[in-house]
Amino acid sequence: IHHFTGRYYQTSGSCNTGQCTLFQIETIDQPRVSEP
């Protein structure tokens, strides 16, 4: 088990057909810093 942070993004499906929403991982297992 790992901790992931990232964002969703839109892209086309294979053969540039359709639309997909995929997840982009930005960090793995980084300590969380609380918001001020």
PDB file of all heavy atoms in Angstrom:
ATOM      1  N   ILE A   1       0.846  -1.193   0.000  1.00  0.00           N
ATOM      2  CA  ILE A   1       0.000   0.000   0.000  1.00  0.00           C
ATOM      3  C   ILE A   1       0.883   1.246   0.000  1.00  0.00           C
ATOM      4  O   ILE A   1       1.827   1.352   0.778  1.00  0.00           O
ATOM      5  CB  ILE A   1      -0.953   0.013   1.203  1.00  0.00           C
ATOM      6  CG1 ILE A   1      -1.934  -1.148   1.061  1.00  0.00           C
ATOM      7  CG2 ILE A   1      -1.696   1.341   1.296  1.00  0.00           C
ATOM      8  CD1 ILE A   1      -2.910  -1.283   2.191  1.00  0.00           C
ATOM      9  N   HIS A   2       0.559   2.165  -0.889  1.00  0.00           N
ATOM     10  CA  HIS A   2       1.293   3.422  -1.032  1.00  0.00           C
ATOM     11  C   HIS A   2       0.296   4.568  -1.017  1.00  0.00           C
ATOM     12  O   HIS A   2      -0.897   4.382  -1.269  1.00  0.00           O
ATOM     13  CB  HIS A   2       2.084   3.446  -2.349  1.00  0.00           C
ATOM     14  CG  HIS A   2       3.101   2.373  -2.433  1.00  0.00           C
ATOM     15  ND1 HIS A   2       4.352   2.487  -1.869  1.00  0.00           N
ATOM     16  CD2 HIS A   2       3.049   1.138  -3.000  1.00  0.00           C
ATOM     17  CE1 HIS A   2       5.027   1.374  -2.091  1.00  0.00           C
ATOM     18  NE2 HIS A   2       4.261   0.545  -2.773  1.00  0.00           N
ATOM     19  N   HIS A   3       0.800   5.767  -0.742  1.00  0.00           N
ATOM     20  CA  HIS A   3      -0.039   6.963  -0.756  1.00  0.00           C
ATOM     21  C   HIS A   3       0.281   7.759  -2.025  1.00  0.00           C
ATOM     22  O   HIS A   3       1.439   8.088  -2.278  1.00  0.00           O
ATOM     23  CB  HIS A   3       0.217   7.830   0.483  1.00  0.00           C
ATOM     24  CG  HIS A   3      -0.664   9.020   0.523  1.00  0.00           C
ATOM     25  ND1 HIS A   3      -1.987   8.948   0.876  1.00  0.00           N
ATOM     26  CD2 HIS A   3      -0.437  10.311   0.198  1.00  0.00           C
ATOM     27  CE1 HIS A   3      -2.517  10.141   0.785  1.00  0.00           C
ATOM     28  NE2 HIS A   3      -1.599  10.986   0.372  1.00  0.00           N
ATOM     29  N   PHE A   4      -0.747   8.050  -2.810  1.00  0.00           N
ATOM     30  CA  PHE A   4      -0.595   8.740  -4.088  1.00  0.00           C
ATOM     31  C   PHE A   4      -1.306  10.086  -4.055  1.00  0.00           C
ATOM     32  O   PHE A   4      -2.394  10.205  -3.494  1.00  0.00           O
ATOM     33  CB  PHE A   4      -1.214   7.920  -5.224  1.00  0.00           C
ATOM     34  CG  PHE A   4      -0.644   6.544  -5.352  1.00  0.00           C
ATOM     35  CD1 PHE A   4      -1.241   5.465  -4.711  1.00  0.00           C
ATOM     36  CD2 PHE A   4       0.491   6.321  -6.108  1.00  0.00           C
ATOM     37  CE1 PHE A   4      -0.717   4.192  -4.825  1.00  0.00           C
ATOM     38  CE2 PHE A   4       1.024   5.052  -6.231  1.00  0.00           C
ATOM     39  CZ  PHE A   4       0.419   3.981  -5.590  1.00  0.00           C
ATOM     40  N   THR A   5      -0.705  11.081  -4.665  1.00  0.00           N
ATOM     41  CA  THR A   5      -1.400  12.333  -4.935  1.00  0.00           C
ATOM     42  C   THR A   5      -1.277  12.605  -6.425  1.00  0.00           C
ATOM     43  O   THR A   5      -0.311  12.188  -7.075  1.00  0.00           O
ATOM     44  CB  THR A   5      -0.818  13.531  -4.156  1.00  0.00           C
ATOM     45  OG1 THR A   5       0.543  13.714  -4.523  1.00  0.00           O
ATOM     46  CG2 THR A   5      -0.922  13.333  -2.656  1.00  0.00           C
ATOM     47  N   GLY A   6      -2.251  13.283  -6.957  1.00  0.00           N
ATOM     48  CA  GLY A   6      -2.224  13.600  -8.381  1.00  0.00           C
ATOM     49  C   GLY A   6      -3.481  14.324  -8.802  1.00  0.00           C
ATOM     50  O   GLY A   6      -4.239  14.818  -7.971  1.00  0.00           O
ATOM     51  N   ARG A   7      -3.693  14.349 -10.103  1.00  0.00           N
ATOM     52  CA  ARG A   7      -4.827  15.074 -10.681  1.00  0.00           C
ATOM     53  C   ARG A   7      -5.391  14.271 -11.847  1.00  0.00           C
ATOM     54  O   ARG A   7      -4.668  13.556 -12.527  1.00  0.00           O
ATOM     55  CB  ARG A   7      -4.383  16.436 -11.197  1.00  0.00           C
ATOM     56  CG  ARG A   7      -3.768  17.307 -10.135  1.00  0.00           C
ATOM     57  CD  ARG A   7      -3.150  18.570 -10.698  1.00  0.00           C
ATOM     58  NE  ARG A   7      -2.230  19.174  -9.757  1.00  0.00           N
ATOM     59  CZ  ARG A   7      -2.567  19.822  -8.651  1.00  0.00           C
ATOM     60  NH1 ARG A   7      -3.820  19.937  -8.326  1.00  0.00           N
ATOM     61  NH2 ARG A   7      -1.668  20.344  -7.858  1.00  0.00           N
ATOM     62  N   TYR A   8      -6.682  14.431 -12.060  1.00  0.00           N
ATOM     63  CA  TYR A   8      -7.299  13.859 -13.250  1.00  0.00           C
ATOM     64  C   TYR A   8      -7.034  14.765 -14.439  1.00  0.00           C
ATOM     65  O   TYR A   8      -6.890  15.973 -14.297  1.00  0.00           O
ATOM     66  CB  TYR A   8      -8.813  13.711 -13.062  1.00  0.00           C
ATOM     67  CG  TYR A   8      -9.184  12.559 -12.163  1.00  0.00           C
ATOM     68  CD1 TYR A   8      -9.647  12.781 -10.884  1.00  0.00           C
ATOM     69  CD2 TYR A   8      -9.064  11.251 -12.607  1.00  0.00           C
ATOM     70  CE1 TYR A   8      -9.998  11.729 -10.064  1.00  0.00           C
ATOM     71  CE2 TYR A   8      -9.403  10.191 -11.799  1.00  0.00           C
ATOM     72  CZ  TYR A   8      -9.874  10.436 -10.522  1.00  0.00           C
ATOM     73  OH  TYR A   8     -10.210   9.396  -9.712  1.00  0.00           O
ATOM     74  N   TYR A   9      -6.971  14.181 -15.617  1.00  0.00           N
ATOM     75  CA  TYR A   9      -6.834  14.957 -16.847  1.00  0.00           C
ATOM     76  C   TYR A   9      -7.600  14.270 -17.963  1.00  0.00           C
ATOM     77  O   TYR A   9      -7.858  13.067 -17.918  1.00  0.00           O
ATOM     78  CB  TYR A   9      -5.356  15.154 -17.220  1.00  0.00           C
ATOM     79  CG  TYR A   9      -4.639  13.901 -17.658  1.00  0.00           C
ATOM     80  CD1 TYR A   9      -4.489  13.611 -19.011  1.00  0.00           C
ATOM     81  CD2 TYR A   9      -4.108  13.012 -16.728  1.00  0.00           C
ATOM     82  CE1 TYR A   9      -3.832  12.463 -19.433  1.00  0.00           C
ATOM     83  CE2 TYR A   9      -3.454  11.865 -17.132  1.00  0.00           C
ATOM     84  CZ  TYR A   9      -3.313  11.592 -18.482  1.00  0.00           C
ATOM     85  OH  TYR A   9      -2.670  10.449 -18.888  1.00  0.00           O
ATOM     86  N   GLN A  10      -7.983  15.049 -18.955  1.00  0.00           N
ATOM     87  CA  GLN A  10      -8.728  14.551 -20.109  1.00  0.00           C
ATOM     88  C   GLN A  10      -7.764  14.267 -21.252  1.00  0.00           C
ATOM     89  O   GLN A  10      -6.823  15.017 -21.477  1.00  0.00           O
ATOM     90  CB  GLN A  10      -9.749  15.596 -20.570  1.00  0.00           C
ATOM     91  CG  GLN A  10     -10.805  15.915 -19.551  1.00  0.00           C
ATOM     92  CD  GLN A  10     -11.828  14.807 -19.426  1.00  0.00           C
ATOM     93  OE1 GLN A  10     -12.239  14.223 -20.421  1.00  0.00           O
ATOM     94  NE2 GLN A  10     -12.235  14.525 -18.204  1.00  0.00           N
ATOM     95  N   THR A  11      -8.023  13.206 -21.965  1.00  0.00           N
ATOM     96  CA  THR A  11      -7.239  12.847 -23.139  1.00  0.00           C
ATOM     97  C   THR A  11      -8.122  12.053 -24.085  1.00  0.00           C
ATOM     98  O   THR A  11      -9.231  11.645 -23.715  1.00  0.00           O
ATOM     99  CB  THR A  11      -5.979  12.042 -22.741  1.00  0.00           C
ATOM    100  OG1 THR A  11      -5.143  11.860 -23.887  1.00  0.00           O
ATOM    101  CG2 THR A  11      -6.331  10.692 -22.141  1.00  0.00           C
ATOM    102  N   SER A  12      -7.637  11.818 -25.286  1.00  0.00           N
ATOM    103  CA  SER A  12      -8.414  11.009 -26.224  1.00  0.00           C
ATOM    104  C   SER A  12      -8.120   9.534 -25.995  1.00  0.00           C
ATOM    105  O   SER A  12      -7.084   9.163 -25.452  1.00  0.00           O
ATOM    106  CB  SER A  12      -8.080  11.401 -27.665  1.00  0.00           C
ATOM    107  OG  SER A  12      -6.711  11.198 -27.914  1.00  0.00           O
ATOM    108  N   GLY A  13      -9.061   8.702 -26.418  1.00  0.00           N
ATOM    109  CA  GLY A  13      -8.868   7.264 -26.332  1.00  0.00           C
ATOM    110  C   GLY A  13      -7.906   6.791 -27.418  1.00  0.00           C
ATOM    111  O   GLY A  13      -7.390   7.591 -28.202  1.00  0.00           O
ATOM    112  N   SER A  14      -7.662   5.486 -27.451  1.00  0.00           N
ATOM    113  CA  SER A  14      -6.755   4.959 -28.472  1.00  0.00           C
ATOM    114  C   SER A  14      -7.296   5.269 -29.863  1.00  0.00           C
ATOM    115  O   SER A  14      -8.495   5.430 -30.053  1.00  0.00           O
ATOM    116  CB  SER A  14      -6.552   3.454 -28.281  1.00  0.00           C
ATOM    117  OG  SER A  14      -7.778   2.781 -28.395  1.00  0.00           O
ATOM    118  N   CYS A  15      -6.424   5.389 -30.835  1.00  0.00           N
ATOM    119  CA  CYS A  15      -6.730   5.789 -32.202  1.00  0.00           C
ATOM    120  C   CYS A  15      -7.297   7.217 -32.242  1.00  0.00           C
ATOM    121  O   CYS A  15      -7.990   7.585 -33.186  1.00  0.00           O
ATOM    122  CB  CYS A  15      -7.716   4.848 -32.875  1.00  0.00           C
ATOM    123  SG  CYS A  15      -7.279   3.106 -32.852  1.00  0.00           S
ATOM    124  N   ASN A  16      -7.046   8.005 -31.177  1.00  0.00           N
ATOM    125  CA  ASN A  16      -7.579   9.363 -31.062  1.00  0.00           C
ATOM    126  C   ASN A  16      -9.097   9.403 -31.179  1.00  0.00           C
ATOM    127  O   ASN A  16      -9.674  10.322 -31.736  1.00  0.00           O
ATOM    128  CB  ASN A  16      -6.937  10.295 -32.087  1.00  0.00           C
ATOM    129  CG  ASN A  16      -5.494  10.559 -31.747  1.00  0.00           C
ATOM    130  OD1 ASN A  16      -5.156  10.744 -30.582  1.00  0.00           O
ATOM    131  ND2 ASN A  16      -4.639  10.566 -32.753  1.00  0.00           N
ATOM    132  N   THR A  17      -9.744   8.354 -30.645  1.00  0.00           N
ATOM    133  CA  THR A  17     -11.191   8.243 -30.696  1.00  0.00           C
ATOM    134  C   THR A  17     -11.754   8.323 -29.278  1.00  0.00           C
ATOM    135  O   THR A  17     -11.233   7.690 -28.370  1.00  0.00           O
ATOM    136  CB  THR A  17     -11.607   6.890 -31.321  1.00  0.00           C
ATOM    137  OG1 THR A  17     -11.006   6.786 -32.598  1.00  0.00           O
ATOM    138  CG2 THR A  17     -13.103   6.775 -31.441  1.00  0.00           C
ATOM    139  N   GLY A  18     -12.800   9.080 -29.114  1.00  0.00           N
ATOM    140  CA  GLY A  18     -13.445   9.178 -27.811  1.00  0.00           C
ATOM    141  C   GLY A  18     -12.675  10.071 -26.852  1.00  0.00           C
ATOM    142  O   GLY A  18     -11.686  10.712 -27.216  1.00  0.00           O
ATOM    143  N   GLN A  19     -13.153  10.109 -25.617  1.00  0.00           N
ATOM    144  CA  GLN A  19     -12.517  10.929 -24.593  1.00  0.00           C
ATOM    145  C   GLN A  19     -12.368  10.105 -23.327  1.00  0.00           C
ATOM    146  O   GLN A  19     -13.260   9.353 -22.950  1.00  0.00           O
ATOM    147  CB  GLN A  19     -13.351  12.178 -24.314  1.00  0.00           C
ATOM    148  CG  GLN A  19     -12.666  13.145 -23.397  1.00  0.00           C
ATOM    149  CD  GLN A  19     -13.426  14.459 -23.295  1.00  0.00           C
ATOM    150  OE1 GLN A  19     -14.441  14.661 -23.937  1.00  0.00           O
ATOM    151  NE2 GLN A  19     -12.935  15.340 -22.458  1.00  0.00           N
ATOM    152  N   CYS A  20     -11.228  10.266 -22.672  1.00  0.00           N
ATOM    153  CA  CYS A  20     -10.930   9.501 -21.462  1.00  0.00           C
ATOM    154  C   CYS A  20     -10.521  10.445 -20.341  1.00  0.00           C
ATOM    155  O   CYS A  20      -9.955  11.507 -20.592  1.00  0.00           O
ATOM    156  CB  CYS A  20      -9.761   8.547 -21.704  1.00  0.00           C
ATOM    157  SG  CYS A  20     -10.073   7.340 -22.999  1.00  0.00           S
ATOM    158  N   THR A  21     -10.789  10.023 -19.137  1.00  0.00           N
ATOM    159  CA  THR A  21     -10.310  10.723 -17.959  1.00  0.00           C
ATOM    160  C   THR A  21      -9.363   9.776 -17.236  1.00  0.00           C
ATOM    161  O   THR A  21      -9.760   8.693 -16.812  1.00  0.00           O
ATOM    162  CB  THR A  21     -11.473  11.117 -17.028  1.00  0.00           C
ATOM    163  OG1 THR A  21     -12.372  11.946 -17.753  1.00  0.00           O
ATOM    164  CG2 THR A  21     -10.956  11.866 -15.814  1.00  0.00           C
ATOM    165  N   LEU A  22      -8.101  10.169 -17.170  1.00  0.00           N
ATOM    166  CA  LEU A  22      -7.074   9.357 -16.529  1.00  0.00           C
ATOM    167  C   LEU A  22      -6.495  10.109 -15.341  1.00  0.00           C
ATOM    168  O   LEU A  22      -6.688  11.314 -15.197  1.00  0.00           O
ATOM    169  CB  LEU A  22      -5.961   9.017 -17.528  1.00  0.00           C
ATOM    170  CG  LEU A  22      -6.385   8.242 -18.771  1.00  0.00           C
ATOM    171  CD1 LEU A  22      -5.199   8.083 -19.723  1.00  0.00           C
ATOM    172  CD2 LEU A  22      -6.960   6.894 -18.405  1.00  0.00           C
ATOM    173  N   PHE A  23      -5.769   9.398 -14.509  1.00  0.00           N
ATOM    174  CA  PHE A  23      -5.156   9.982 -13.326  1.00  0.00           C
ATOM    175  C   PHE A  23      -3.659  10.144 -13.560  1.00  0.00           C
ATOM    176  O   PHE A  23      -3.012   9.247 -14.082  1.00  0.00           O
ATOM    177  CB  PHE A  23      -5.398   9.070 -12.120  1.00  0.00           C
ATOM    178  CG  PHE A  23      -4.987   9.649 -10.808  1.00  0.00           C
ATOM    179  CD1 PHE A  23      -5.665  10.722 -10.258  1.00  0.00           C
ATOM    180  CD2 PHE A  23      -3.930   9.118 -10.098  1.00  0.00           C
ATOM    181  CE1 PHE A  23      -5.303  11.247  -9.031  1.00  0.00           C
ATOM    182  CE2 PHE A  23      -3.552   9.635  -8.867  1.00  0.00           C
ATOM    183  CZ  PHE A  23      -4.242  10.702  -8.333  1.00  0.00           C
ATOM    184  N   GLN A  24      -3.133  11.293 -13.201  1.00  0.00           N
ATOM    185  CA  GLN A  24      -1.702  11.570 -13.308  1.00  0.00           C
ATOM    186  C   GLN A  24      -1.115  11.579 -11.898  1.00  0.00           C
ATOM    187  O   GLN A  24      -1.491  12.403 -11.077  1.00  0.00           O
ATOM    188  CB  GLN A  24      -1.473  12.924 -13.962  1.00  0.00           C
ATOM    189  CG  GLN A  24      -0.017  13.332 -14.013  1.00  0.00           C
ATOM    190  CD  GLN A  24       0.132  14.600 -14.807  1.00  0.00           C
ATOM    191  OE1 GLN A  24       0.070  14.573 -16.021  1.00  0.00           O
ATOM    192  NE2 GLN A  24       0.322  15.710 -14.121  1.00  0.00           N
ATOM    193  N   ILE A  25      -0.202  10.664 -11.614  1.00  0.00           N
ATOM    194  CA  ILE A  25       0.431  10.599 -10.297  1.00  0.00           C
ATOM    195  C   ILE A  25       1.515  11.661 -10.223  1.00  0.00           C
ATOM    196  O   ILE A  25       2.380  11.741 -11.087  1.00  0.00           O
ATOM    197  CB  ILE A  25       1.030   9.205 -10.036  1.00  0.00           C
ATOM    198  CG1 ILE A  25      -0.085   8.167  -9.954  1.00  0.00           C
ATOM    199  CG2 ILE A  25       1.878   9.209  -8.764  1.00  0.00           C
ATOM    200  CD1 ILE A  25       0.400   6.740  -9.828  1.00  0.00           C
ATOM    201  N   GLU A  26       1.447  12.472  -9.173  1.00  0.00           N
ATOM    202  CA  GLU A  26       2.442  13.520  -8.971  1.00  0.00           C
ATOM    203  C   GLU A  26       3.427  13.159  -7.863  1.00  0.00           C
ATOM    204  O   GLU A  26       4.604  13.472  -7.969  1.00  0.00           O
ATOM    205  CB  GLU A  26       1.746  14.847  -8.694  1.00  0.00           C
ATOM    206  CG  GLU A  26       0.956  15.308  -9.902  1.00  0.00           C
ATOM    207  CD  GLU A  26       0.174  16.577  -9.666  1.00  0.00           C
ATOM    208  OE1 GLU A  26       0.112  17.070  -8.520  1.00  0.00           O
ATOM    209  OE2 GLU A  26      -0.396  17.087 -10.641  1.00  0.00           O
ATOM    210  N   THR A  27       2.953  12.548  -6.788  1.00  0.00           N
ATOM    211  CA  THR A  27       3.853  12.118  -5.711  1.00  0.00           C
ATOM    212  C   THR A  27       3.422  10.754  -5.194  1.00  0.00           C
ATOM    213  O   THR A  27       2.253  10.372  -5.282  1.00  0.00           O
ATOM    214  CB  THR A  27       3.861  13.100  -4.514  1.00  0.00           C
ATOM    215  OG1 THR A  27       2.577  13.090  -3.892  1.00  0.00           O
ATOM    216  CG2 THR A  27       4.231  14.510  -4.942  1.00  0.00           C
ATOM    217  N   ILE A  28       4.403  10.044  -4.644  1.00  0.00           N
ATOM    218  CA  ILE A  28       4.151   8.743  -4.023  1.00  0.00           C
ATOM    219  C   ILE A  28       4.820   8.741  -2.654  1.00  0.00           C
ATOM    220  O   ILE A  28       6.007   9.061  -2.536  1.00  0.00           O
ATOM    221  CB  ILE A  28       4.722   7.590  -4.877  1.00  0.00           C
ATOM    222  CG1 ILE A  28       4.114   7.607  -6.282  1.00  0.00           C
ATOM    223  CG2 ILE A  28       4.490   6.241  -4.197  1.00  0.00           C
ATOM    224  CD1 ILE A  28       4.789   6.674  -7.252  1.00  0.00           C
ATOM    225  N   ASP A  29       4.039   8.389  -1.642  1.00  0.00           N
ATOM    226  CA  ASP A  29       4.543   8.234  -0.273  1.00  0.00           C
ATOM    227  C   ASP A  29       5.244   9.473   0.275  1.00  0.00           C
ATOM    228  O   ASP A  29       6.192   9.367   1.041  1.00  0.00           O
ATOM    229  CB  ASP A  29       5.474   7.019  -0.170  1.00  0.00           C
ATOM    230  CG  ASP A  29       4.744   5.722  -0.454  1.00  0.00           C
ATOM    231  OD1 ASP A  29       3.533   5.652  -0.191  1.00  0.00           O
ATOM    232  OD2 ASP A  29       5.381   4.774  -0.938  1.00  0.00           O
ATOM    233  N   GLN A  30       4.772  10.649  -0.106  1.00  0.00           N
ATOM    234  CA  GLN A  30       5.318  11.893   0.436  1.00  0.00           C
ATOM    235  C   GLN A  30       4.558  12.254   1.703  1.00  0.00           C
ATOM    236  O   GLN A  30       3.342  12.063   1.762  1.00  0.00           O
ATOM    237  CB  GLN A  30       5.184  13.030  -0.575  1.00  0.00           C
ATOM    238  CG  GLN A  30       6.027  12.842  -1.807  1.00  0.00           C
ATOM    239  CD  GLN A  30       7.504  12.871  -1.498  1.00  0.00           C
ATOM    240  OE1 GLN A  30       7.978  13.739  -0.783  1.00  0.00           O
ATOM    241  NE2 GLN A  30       8.233  11.910  -2.018  1.00  0.00           N
ATOM    242  N   PRO A  31       5.265  12.768   2.719  1.00  0.00           N
ATOM    243  CA  PRO A  31       4.551  13.183   3.930  1.00  0.00           C
ATOM    244  C   PRO A  31       3.539  14.279   3.605  1.00  0.00           C
ATOM    245  O   PRO A  31       3.819  15.156   2.784  1.00  0.00           O
ATOM    246  CB  PRO A  31       5.651  13.732   4.845  1.00  0.00           C
ATOM    247  CG  PRO A  31       6.935  13.489   4.169  1.00  0.00           C
ATOM    248  CD  PRO A  31       6.676  13.024   2.774  1.00  0.00           C
ATOM    249  N   ARG A  32       2.389  14.192   4.254  1.00  0.00           N
ATOM    250  CA  ARG A  32       1.363  15.200   4.027  1.00  0.00           C
ATOM    251  C   ARG A  32       1.632  16.414   4.884  1.00  0.00           C
ATOM    252  O   ARG A  32       1.958  16.300   6.056  1.00  0.00           O
ATOM    253  CB  ARG A  32      -0.004  14.628   4.371  1.00  0.00           C
ATOM    254  CG  ARG A  32      -0.338  13.472   3.436  1.00  0.00           C
ATOM    255  CD  ARG A  32      -1.750  13.165   3.487  1.00  0.00           C
ATOM    256  NE  ARG A  32      -2.487  14.327   3.010  1.00  0.00           N
ATOM    257  CZ  ARG A  32      -3.754  14.309   2.741  1.00  0.00           C
ATOM    258  NH1 ARG A  32      -4.429  13.227   2.912  1.00  0.00           N
ATOM    259  NH2 ARG A  32      -4.372  15.391   2.323  1.00  0.00           N
ATOM    260  N   VAL A  33       1.513  17.559   4.280  1.00  0.00           N
ATOM    261  CA  VAL A  33       1.690  18.823   4.992  1.00  0.00           C
ATOM    262  C   VAL A  33       0.295  19.437   5.136  1.00  0.00           C
ATOM    263  O   VAL A  33      -0.409  19.630   4.138  1.00  0.00           O
ATOM    264  CB  VAL A  33       2.614  19.782   4.214  1.00  0.00           C
ATOM    265  CG1 VAL A  33       2.719  21.109   4.925  1.00  0.00           C
ATOM    266  CG2 VAL A  33       3.972  19.139   4.010  1.00  0.00           C
ATOM    267  N   SER A  34      -0.089  19.724   6.355  1.00  0.00           N
ATOM    268  CA  SER A  34      -1.419  20.263   6.561  1.00  0.00           C
ATOM    269  C   SER A  34      -1.505  21.706   6.068  1.00  0.00           C
ATOM    270  O   SER A  34      -0.527  22.440   6.085  1.00  0.00           O
ATOM    271  CB  SER A  34      -1.810  20.194   8.041  1.00  0.00           C
ATOM    272  OG  SER A  34      -0.911  20.944   8.803  1.00  0.00           O
ATOM    273  N   GLU A  35      -2.696  22.061   5.652  1.00  0.00           N
ATOM    274  CA  GLU A  35      -2.954  23.421   5.183  1.00  0.00           C
ATOM    275  C   GLU A  35      -2.885  24.373   6.379  1.00  0.00           C
ATOM    276  O   GLU A  35      -3.314  24.026   7.482  1.00  0.00           O
ATOM    277  CB  GLU A  35      -4.342  23.497   4.560  1.00  0.00           C
ATOM    278  CG  GLU A  35      -4.503  22.640   3.322  1.00  0.00           C
ATOM    279  CD  GLU A  35      -3.832  23.248   2.113  1.00  0.00           C
ATOM    280  OE1 GLU A  35      -3.786  24.486   2.005  1.00  0.00           O
ATOM    281  OE2 GLU A  35      -3.351  22.477   1.277  1.00  0.00           O
ATOM    282  N   PRO A  36      -2.368  25.556   6.182  1.00  0.00           N
ATOM    283  CA  PRO A  36      -2.344  26.511   7.303  1.00  0.00           C
ATOM    284  C   PRO A  36      -3.770  26.944   7.655  1.00  0.00           C
ATOM    285  O   PRO A  36      -4.622  27.044   6.780  1.00  0.00           O
ATOM    286  CB  PRO A  36      -1.541  27.684   6.754  1.00  0.00           C
ATOM    287  CG  PRO A  36      -1.607  27.561   5.289  1.00  0.00           C
ATOM    288  CD  PRO A  36      -1.782  26.101   4.972  1.00  0.00           C
TER     289      PRO A  36
END
